[in-house]
Amino acid sequence: MTAFQPGQAQQEQQQRDKHFAMSGRPVIGPWLHGGPALSPGVSLYSFFGYCLLVIAAILAVRVLVQVFRSDTG
């Protein structure tokens, strides 16, 4: 067993955080497996991710409609 060195736990946590951030996991949230299951094929986290994706798409379409509307009045 190795002796505990001061700051070793913090260094290990920083390395894990760096690996997590560089792995792309925060970007591909809907494709991660885990979380409570709503049905056999859909987890709660995936459900939230897809709902946010739909909301973002609706907002983007609203912006595009406002930009390209040919209202000269």
PDB file of N, CA and C in Angstrom:
ATOM      1  N   MET A   1       0.848  -1.174   0.000  1.00  0.00           N
ATOM      2  CA  MET A   1       0.000   0.000   0.000  1.00  0.00           C
ATOM      3  C   MET A   1       0.892   1.235   0.000  1.00  0.00           C
ATOM      4  N   THR A   2       0.519   2.227  -0.792  1.00  0.00           N
ATOM      5  CA  THR A   2       1.316   3.437  -0.876  1.00  0.00           C
ATOM      6  C   THR A   2       0.856   4.444   0.168  1.00  0.00           C
ATOM      7  N   ALA A   3       1.792   5.265   0.591  1.00  0.00           N
ATOM      8  CA  ALA A   3       1.471   6.298   1.581  1.00  0.00           C
ATOM      9  C   ALA A   3       0.697   7.422   0.905  1.00  0.00           C
ATOM     10  N   PHE A   4      -0.215   8.020   1.639  1.00  0.00           N
ATOM     11  CA  PHE A   4      -1.019   9.122   1.123  1.00  0.00           C
ATOM     12  C   PHE A   4      -0.161  10.374   1.030  1.00  0.00           C
ATOM     13  N   GLN A   5      -0.198  11.006  -0.117  1.00  0.00           N
ATOM     14  CA  GLN A   5       0.543  12.243  -0.318  1.00  0.00           C
ATOM     15  C   GLN A   5      -0.441  13.402  -0.332  1.00  0.00           C
ATOM     16  N   PRO A   6      -0.086  14.517   0.303  1.00  0.00           N
ATOM     17  CA  PRO A   6      -0.991  15.668   0.292  1.00  0.00           C
ATOM     18  C   PRO A   6      -1.264  16.139  -1.135  1.00  0.00           C
ATOM     19  N   GLY A   7      -2.507  16.370  -1.424  1.00  0.00           N
ATOM     20  CA  GLY A   7      -2.891  16.845  -2.746  1.00  0.00           C
ATOM     21  C   GLY A   7      -3.082  15.747  -3.769  1.00  0.00           C
ATOM     22  N   GLN A   8      -2.803  14.516  -3.394  1.00  0.00           N
ATOM     23  CA  GLN A   8      -2.913  13.414  -4.339  1.00  0.00           C
ATOM     24  C   GLN A   8      -4.366  13.216  -4.765  1.00  0.00           C
ATOM     25  N   ALA A   9      -5.285  13.311  -3.838  1.00  0.00           N
ATOM     26  CA  ALA A   9      -6.700  13.135  -4.166  1.00  0.00           C
ATOM     27  C   ALA A   9      -7.177  14.251  -5.103  1.00  0.00           C
ATOM     28  N   GLN A  10      -6.703  15.461  -4.868  1.00  0.00           N
ATOM     29  CA  GLN A  10      -7.089  16.575  -5.735  1.00  0.00           C
ATOM     30  C   GLN A  10      -6.539  16.391  -7.142  1.00  0.00           C
ATOM     31  N   GLN A  11      -5.311  15.907  -7.247  1.00  0.00           N
ATOM     32  CA  GLN A  11      -4.717  15.671  -8.560  1.00  0.00           C
ATOM     33  C   GLN A  11      -5.478  14.589  -9.311  1.00  0.00           C
ATOM     34  N   GLU A  12      -5.854  13.528  -8.598  1.00  0.00           N
ATOM     35  CA  GLU A  12      -6.608  12.458  -9.236  1.00  0.00           C
ATOM     36  C   GLU A  12      -7.971  12.959  -9.706  1.00  0.00           C
ATOM     37  N   GLN A  13      -8.627  13.791  -8.897  1.00  0.00           N
ATOM     38  CA  GLN A  13      -9.920  14.346  -9.285  1.00  0.00           C
ATOM     39  C   GLN A  13      -9.778  15.254 -10.497  1.00  0.00           C
ATOM     40  N   GLN A  14      -8.729  16.050 -10.558  1.00  0.00           N
ATOM     41  CA  GLN A  14      -8.505  16.922 -11.710  1.00  0.00           C
ATOM     42  C   GLN A  14      -8.265  16.107 -12.973  1.00  0.00           C
ATOM     43  N   GLN A  15      -7.533  15.007 -12.853  1.00  0.00           N
ATOM     44  CA  GLN A  15      -7.289  14.158 -14.009  1.00  0.00           C
ATOM     45  C   GLN A  15      -8.589  13.525 -14.495  1.00  0.00           C
ATOM     46  N   ARG A  16      -9.441  13.084 -13.547  1.00  0.00           N
ATOM     47  CA  ARG A  16     -10.738  12.511 -13.944  1.00  0.00           C
ATOM     48  C   ARG A  16     -11.610  13.563 -14.611  1.00  0.00           C
ATOM     49  N   ASP A  17     -11.629  14.783 -14.071  1.00  0.00           N
ATOM     50  CA  ASP A  17     -12.430  15.860 -14.662  1.00  0.00           C
ATOM     51  C   ASP A  17     -11.938  16.205 -16.065  1.00  0.00           C
ATOM     52  N   LYS A  18     -10.622  16.251 -16.233  1.00  0.00           N
ATOM     53  CA  LYS A  18     -10.046  16.570 -17.541  1.00  0.00           C
ATOM     54  C   LYS A  18     -10.402  15.481 -18.542  1.00  0.00           C
ATOM     55  N   HIS A  19     -10.312  14.226 -18.128  1.00  0.00           N
ATOM     56  CA  HIS A  19     -10.648  13.114 -19.015  1.00  0.00           C
ATOM     57  C   HIS A  19     -12.124  13.171 -19.381  1.00  0.00           C
ATOM     58  N   PHE A  20     -12.995  13.480 -18.431  1.00  0.00           N
ATOM     59  CA  PHE A  20     -14.425  13.542 -18.697  1.00  0.00           C
ATOM     60  C   PHE A  20     -14.736  14.657 -19.686  1.00  0.00           C
ATOM     61  N   ALA A  21     -14.122  15.823 -19.502  1.00  0.00           N
ATOM     62  CA  ALA A  21     -14.395  16.966 -20.374  1.00  0.00           C
ATOM     63  C   ALA A  21     -13.887  16.715 -21.790  1.00  0.00           C
ATOM     64  N   MET A  22     -12.778  16.009 -21.917  1.00  0.00           N
ATOM     65  CA  MET A  22     -12.199  15.781 -23.237  1.00  0.00           C
ATOM     66  C   MET A  22     -12.792  14.559 -23.928  1.00  0.00           C
ATOM     67  N   SER A  23     -13.575  13.765 -23.224  1.00  0.00           N
ATOM     68  CA  SER A  23     -14.114  12.556 -23.828  1.00  0.00           C
ATOM     69  C   SER A  23     -15.336  12.824 -24.680  1.00  0.00           C
ATOM     70  N   GLY A  24     -15.924  14.020 -24.582  1.00  0.00           N
ATOM     71  CA  GLY A  24     -17.104  14.333 -25.368  1.00  0.00           C
ATOM     72  C   GLY A  24     -18.398  13.918 -24.701  1.00  0.00           C
ATOM     73  N   ARG A  25     -18.344  13.381 -23.515  1.00  0.00           N
ATOM     74  CA  ARG A  25     -19.565  12.927 -22.855  1.00  0.00           C
ATOM     75  C   ARG A  25     -20.562  14.036 -22.575  1.00  0.00           C
ATOM     76  N   PRO A  26     -20.128  15.254 -22.224  1.00  0.00           N
ATOM     77  CA  PRO A  26     -21.141  16.286 -22.015  1.00  0.00           C
ATOM     78  C   PRO A  26     -21.901  16.640 -23.287  1.00  0.00           C
ATOM     79  N   VAL A  27     -21.321  16.378 -24.449  1.00  0.00           N
ATOM     80  CA  VAL A  27     -21.953  16.724 -25.709  1.00  0.00           C
ATOM     81  C   VAL A  27     -22.945  15.661 -26.144  1.00  0.00           C
ATOM     82  N   ILE A  28     -22.665  14.411 -25.861  1.00  0.00           N
ATOM     83  CA  ILE A  28     -23.505  13.331 -26.352  1.00  0.00           C
ATOM     84  C   ILE A  28     -24.410  12.780 -25.265  1.00  0.00           C
ATOM     85  N   GLY A  29     -24.944  13.642 -24.455  1.00  0.00           N
ATOM     86  CA  GLY A  29     -25.793  13.235 -23.343  1.00  0.00           C
ATOM     87  C   GLY A  29     -26.924  12.296 -23.697  1.00  0.00           C
ATOM     88  N   PRO A  30     -27.701  12.559 -24.767  1.00  0.00           N
ATOM     89  CA  PRO A  30     -28.814  11.652 -25.076  1.00  0.00           C
ATOM     90  C   PRO A  30     -28.390  10.235 -25.424  1.00  0.00           C
ATOM     91  N   TRP A  31     -27.133  10.034 -25.824  1.00  0.00           N
ATOM     92  CA  TRP A  31     -26.684   8.695 -26.195  1.00  0.00           C
ATOM     93  C   TRP A  31     -26.017   7.958 -25.038  1.00  0.00           C
ATOM     94  N   LEU A  32     -25.923   8.571 -23.881  1.00  0.00           N
ATOM     95  CA  LEU A  32     -25.358   7.881 -22.725  1.00  0.00           C
ATOM     96  C   LEU A  32     -26.379   6.927 -22.145  1.00  0.00           C
ATOM     97  N   HIS A  33     -25.910   5.826 -21.662  1.00  0.00           N
ATOM     98  CA  HIS A  33     -26.790   4.862 -21.019  1.00  0.00           C
ATOM     99  C   HIS A  33     -26.745   5.086 -19.523  1.00  0.00           C
ATOM    100  N   GLY A  34     -27.884   5.042 -18.893  1.00  0.00           N
ATOM    101  CA  GLY A  34     -27.920   5.214 -17.453  1.00  0.00           C
ATOM    102  C   GLY A  34     -29.102   6.047 -17.025  1.00  0.00           C
ATOM    103  N   GLY A  35     -29.233   6.147 -15.742  1.00  0.00           N
ATOM    104  CA  GLY A  35     -30.347   6.891 -15.186  1.00  0.00           C
ATOM    105  C   GLY A  35     -31.560   5.998 -15.005  1.00  0.00           C
ATOM    106  N   PRO A  36     -32.560   6.502 -14.321  1.00  0.00           N
ATOM    107  CA  PRO A  36     -33.776   5.716 -14.108  1.00  0.00           C
ATOM    108  C   PRO A  36     -34.490   5.438 -15.427  1.00  0.00           C
ATOM    109  N   ALA A  37     -35.046   4.270 -15.561  1.00  0.00           N
ATOM    110  CA  ALA A  37     -35.704   3.879 -16.801  1.00  0.00           C
ATOM    111  C   ALA A  37     -37.166   4.311 -16.800  1.00  0.00           C
ATOM    112  N   LEU A  38     -37.589   4.970 -17.882  1.00  0.00           N
ATOM    113  CA  LEU A  38     -39.000   5.279 -18.078  1.00  0.00           C
ATOM    114  C   LEU A  38     -39.700   4.130 -18.774  1.00  0.00           C
ATOM    115  N   SER A  39     -38.985   3.499 -19.685  1.00  0.00           N
ATOM    116  CA  SER A  39     -39.462   2.305 -20.382  1.00  0.00           C
ATOM    117  C   SER A  39     -38.233   1.440 -20.642  1.00  0.00           C
ATOM    118  N   PRO A  40     -38.406   0.250 -21.165  1.00  0.00           N
ATOM    119  CA  PRO A  40     -37.232  -0.600 -21.388  1.00  0.00           C
ATOM    120  C   PRO A  40     -36.176   0.011 -22.308  1.00  0.00           C
ATOM    121  N   GLY A  41     -36.565   0.936 -23.187  1.00  0.00           N
ATOM    122  CA  GLY A  41     -35.599   1.493 -24.119  1.00  0.00           C
ATOM    123  C   GLY A  41     -35.237   2.944 -23.890  1.00  0.00           C
ATOM    124  N   VAL A  42     -35.902   3.623 -22.939  1.00  0.00           N
ATOM    125  CA  VAL A  42     -35.686   5.062 -22.753  1.00  0.00           C
ATOM    126  C   VAL A  42     -35.412   5.349 -21.283  1.00  0.00           C
ATOM    127  N   SER A  43     -34.280   6.039 -21.034  1.00  0.00           N
ATOM    128  CA  SER A  43     -33.982   6.438 -19.662  1.00  0.00           C
ATOM    129  C   SER A  43     -34.497   7.855 -19.426  1.00  0.00           C
ATOM    130  N   LEU A  44     -34.560   8.247 -18.189  1.00  0.00           N
ATOM    131  CA  LEU A  44     -35.038   9.578 -17.827  1.00  0.00           C
ATOM    132  C   LEU A  44     -34.131  10.654 -18.411  1.00  0.00           C
ATOM    133  N   TYR A  45     -32.822  10.418 -18.378  1.00  0.00           N
ATOM    134  CA  TYR A  45     -31.879  11.404 -18.904  1.00  0.00           C
ATOM    135  C   TYR A  45     -32.028  11.550 -20.413  1.00  0.00           C
ATOM    136  N   SER A  46     -32.241  10.458 -21.113  1.00  0.00           N
ATOM    137  CA  SER A  46     -32.467  10.539 -22.548  1.00  0.00           C
ATOM    138  C   SER A  46     -33.755  11.301 -22.847  1.00  0.00           C
ATOM    139  N   PHE A  47     -34.789  11.049 -22.077  1.00  0.00           N
ATOM    140  CA  PHE A  47     -36.057  11.749 -22.257  1.00  0.00           C
ATOM    141  C   PHE A  47     -35.866  13.251 -22.097  1.00  0.00           C
ATOM    142  N   PHE A  48     -35.180  13.670 -21.044  1.00  0.00           N
ATOM    143  CA  PHE A  48     -34.916  15.100 -20.840  1.00  0.00           C
ATOM    144  C   PHE A  48     -34.093  15.673 -22.000  1.00  0.00           C
ATOM    145  N   GLY A  49     -33.105  14.928 -22.445  1.00  0.00           N
ATOM    146  CA  GLY A  49     -32.271  15.391 -23.552  1.00  0.00           C
ATOM    147  C   GLY A  49     -33.066  15.593 -24.826  1.00  0.00           C
ATOM    148  N   TYR A  50     -33.941  14.648 -25.148  1.00  0.00           N
ATOM    149  CA  TYR A  50     -34.748  14.774 -26.355  1.00  0.00           C
ATOM    150  C   TYR A  50     -35.760  15.907 -26.228  1.00  0.00           C
ATOM    151  N   CYS A  51     -36.329  16.097 -25.051  1.00  0.00           N
ATOM    152  CA  CYS A  51     -37.262  17.215 -24.843  1.00  0.00           C
ATOM    153  C   CYS A  51     -36.557  18.552 -25.048  1.00  0.00           C
ATOM    154  N   LEU A  52     -35.362  18.697 -24.515  1.00  0.00           N
ATOM    155  CA  LEU A  52     -34.605  19.931 -24.708  1.00  0.00           C
ATOM    156  C   LEU A  52     -34.218  20.126 -26.172  1.00  0.00           C
ATOM    157  N   LEU A  53     -33.938  19.040 -26.868  1.00  0.00           N
ATOM    158  CA  LEU A  53     -33.622  19.130 -28.288  1.00  0.00           C
ATOM    159  C   LEU A  53     -34.824  19.634 -29.082  1.00  0.00           C
ATOM    160  N   VAL A  54     -36.014  19.147 -28.768  1.00  0.00           N
ATOM    161  CA  VAL A  54     -37.230  19.599 -29.452  1.00  0.00           C
ATOM    162  C   VAL A  54     -37.489  21.070 -29.145  1.00  0.00           C
ATOM    163  N   ILE A  55     -37.328  21.467 -27.897  1.00  0.00           N
ATOM    164  CA  ILE A  55     -37.536  22.873 -27.529  1.00  0.00           C
ATOM    165  C   ILE A  55     -36.552  23.772 -28.272  1.00  0.00           C
ATOM    166  N   ALA A  56     -35.295  23.358 -28.365  1.00  0.00           N
ATOM    167  CA  ALA A  56     -34.289  24.146 -29.080  1.00  0.00           C
ATOM    168  C   ALA A  56     -34.637  24.247 -30.562  1.00  0.00           C
ATOM    169  N   ALA A  57     -35.130  23.170 -31.150  1.00  0.00           N
ATOM    170  CA  ALA A  57     -35.508  23.200 -32.565  1.00  0.00           C
ATOM    171  C   ALA A  57     -36.680  24.149 -32.792  1.00  0.00           C
ATOM    172  N   ILE A  58     -37.663  24.127 -31.905  1.00  0.00           N
ATOM    173  CA  ILE A  58     -38.813  25.028 -32.030  1.00  0.00           C
ATOM    174  C   ILE A  58     -38.356  26.482 -31.942  1.00  0.00           C
ATOM    175  N   LEU A  59     -37.495  26.783 -30.991  1.00  0.00           N
ATOM    176  CA  LEU A  59     -37.002  28.153 -30.851  1.00  0.00           C
ATOM    177  C   LEU A  59     -36.185  28.579 -32.073  1.00  0.00           C
ATOM    178  N   ALA A  60     -35.404  27.678 -32.627  1.00  0.00           N
ATOM    179  CA  ALA A  60     -34.611  28.002 -33.808  1.00  0.00           C
ATOM    180  C   ALA A  60     -35.513  28.288 -35.006  1.00  0.00           C
ATOM    181  N   VAL A  61     -36.569  27.510 -35.169  1.00  0.00           N
ATOM    182  CA  VAL A  61     -37.502  27.746 -36.267  1.00  0.00           C
ATOM    183  C   VAL A  61     -38.212  29.077 -36.086  1.00  0.00           C
ATOM    184  N   ARG A  62     -38.571  29.419 -34.870  1.00  0.00           N
ATOM    185  CA  ARG A  62     -39.210  30.715 -34.626  1.00  0.00           C
ATOM    186  C   ARG A  62     -38.280  31.865 -35.004  1.00  0.00           C
ATOM    187  N   VAL A  63     -37.012  31.739 -34.684  1.00  0.00           N
ATOM    188  CA  VAL A  63     -36.054  32.777 -35.046  1.00  0.00           C
ATOM    189  C   VAL A  63     -35.917  32.867 -36.564  1.00  0.00           C
ATOM    190  N   LEU A  64     -35.827  31.729 -37.240  1.00  0.00           N
ATOM    191  CA  LEU A  64     -35.703  31.744 -38.696  1.00  0.00           C
ATOM    192  C   LEU A  64     -36.936  32.354 -39.355  1.00  0.00           C
ATOM    193  N   VAL A  65     -38.113  32.082 -38.834  1.00  0.00           N
ATOM    194  CA  VAL A  65     -39.333  32.681 -39.374  1.00  0.00           C
ATOM    195  C   VAL A  65     -39.297  34.191 -39.211  1.00  0.00           C
ATOM    196  N   GLN A  66     -38.848  34.680 -38.079  1.00  0.00           N
ATOM    197  CA  GLN A  66     -38.766  36.119 -37.859  1.00  0.00           C
ATOM    198  C   GLN A  66     -37.734  36.767 -38.781  1.00  0.00           C
ATOM    199  N   VAL A  67     -36.613  36.083 -39.018  1.00  0.00           N
ATOM    200  CA  VAL A  67     -35.557  36.646 -39.850  1.00  0.00           C
ATOM    201  C   VAL A  67     -35.990  36.708 -41.314  1.00  0.00           C
ATOM    202  N   PHE A  68     -36.620  35.656 -41.809  1.00  0.00           N
ATOM    203  CA  PHE A  68     -36.942  35.575 -43.230  1.00  0.00           C
ATOM    204  C   PHE A  68     -38.368  35.996 -43.569  1.00  0.00           C
ATOM    205  N   ARG A  69     -39.091  36.496 -42.615  1.00  0.00           N
ATOM    206  CA  ARG A  69     -40.445  36.963 -42.891  1.00  0.00           C
ATOM    207  C   ARG A  69     -40.353  38.193 -43.794  1.00  0.00           C
ATOM    208  N   SER A  70     -41.154  38.208 -44.826  1.00  0.00           N
ATOM    209  CA  SER A  70     -41.113  39.332 -45.768  1.00  0.00           C
ATOM    210  C   SER A  70     -42.252  40.306 -45.445  1.00  0.00           C
ATOM    211  N   ASP A  71     -42.251  40.795 -44.249  1.00  0.00           N
ATOM    212  CA  ASP A  71     -43.270  41.754 -43.806  1.00  0.00           C
ATOM    213  C   ASP A  71     -42.687  43.151 -43.967  1.00  0.00           C
ATOM    214  N   THR A  72     -43.203  43.899 -44.917  1.00  0.00           N
ATOM    215  CA  THR A  72     -42.681  45.237 -45.178  1.00  0.00           C
ATOM    216  C   THR A  72     -43.530  46.314 -44.526  1.00  0.00           C
ATOM    217  N   GLY A  73     -44.473  45.944 -43.716  1.00  0.00           N
ATOM    218  CA  GLY A  73     -45.395  46.899 -43.113  1.00  0.00           C
ATOM    219  C   GLY A  73     -44.898  47.482 -41.896  1.00  0.00           C
TER     220      GLY A  73
END
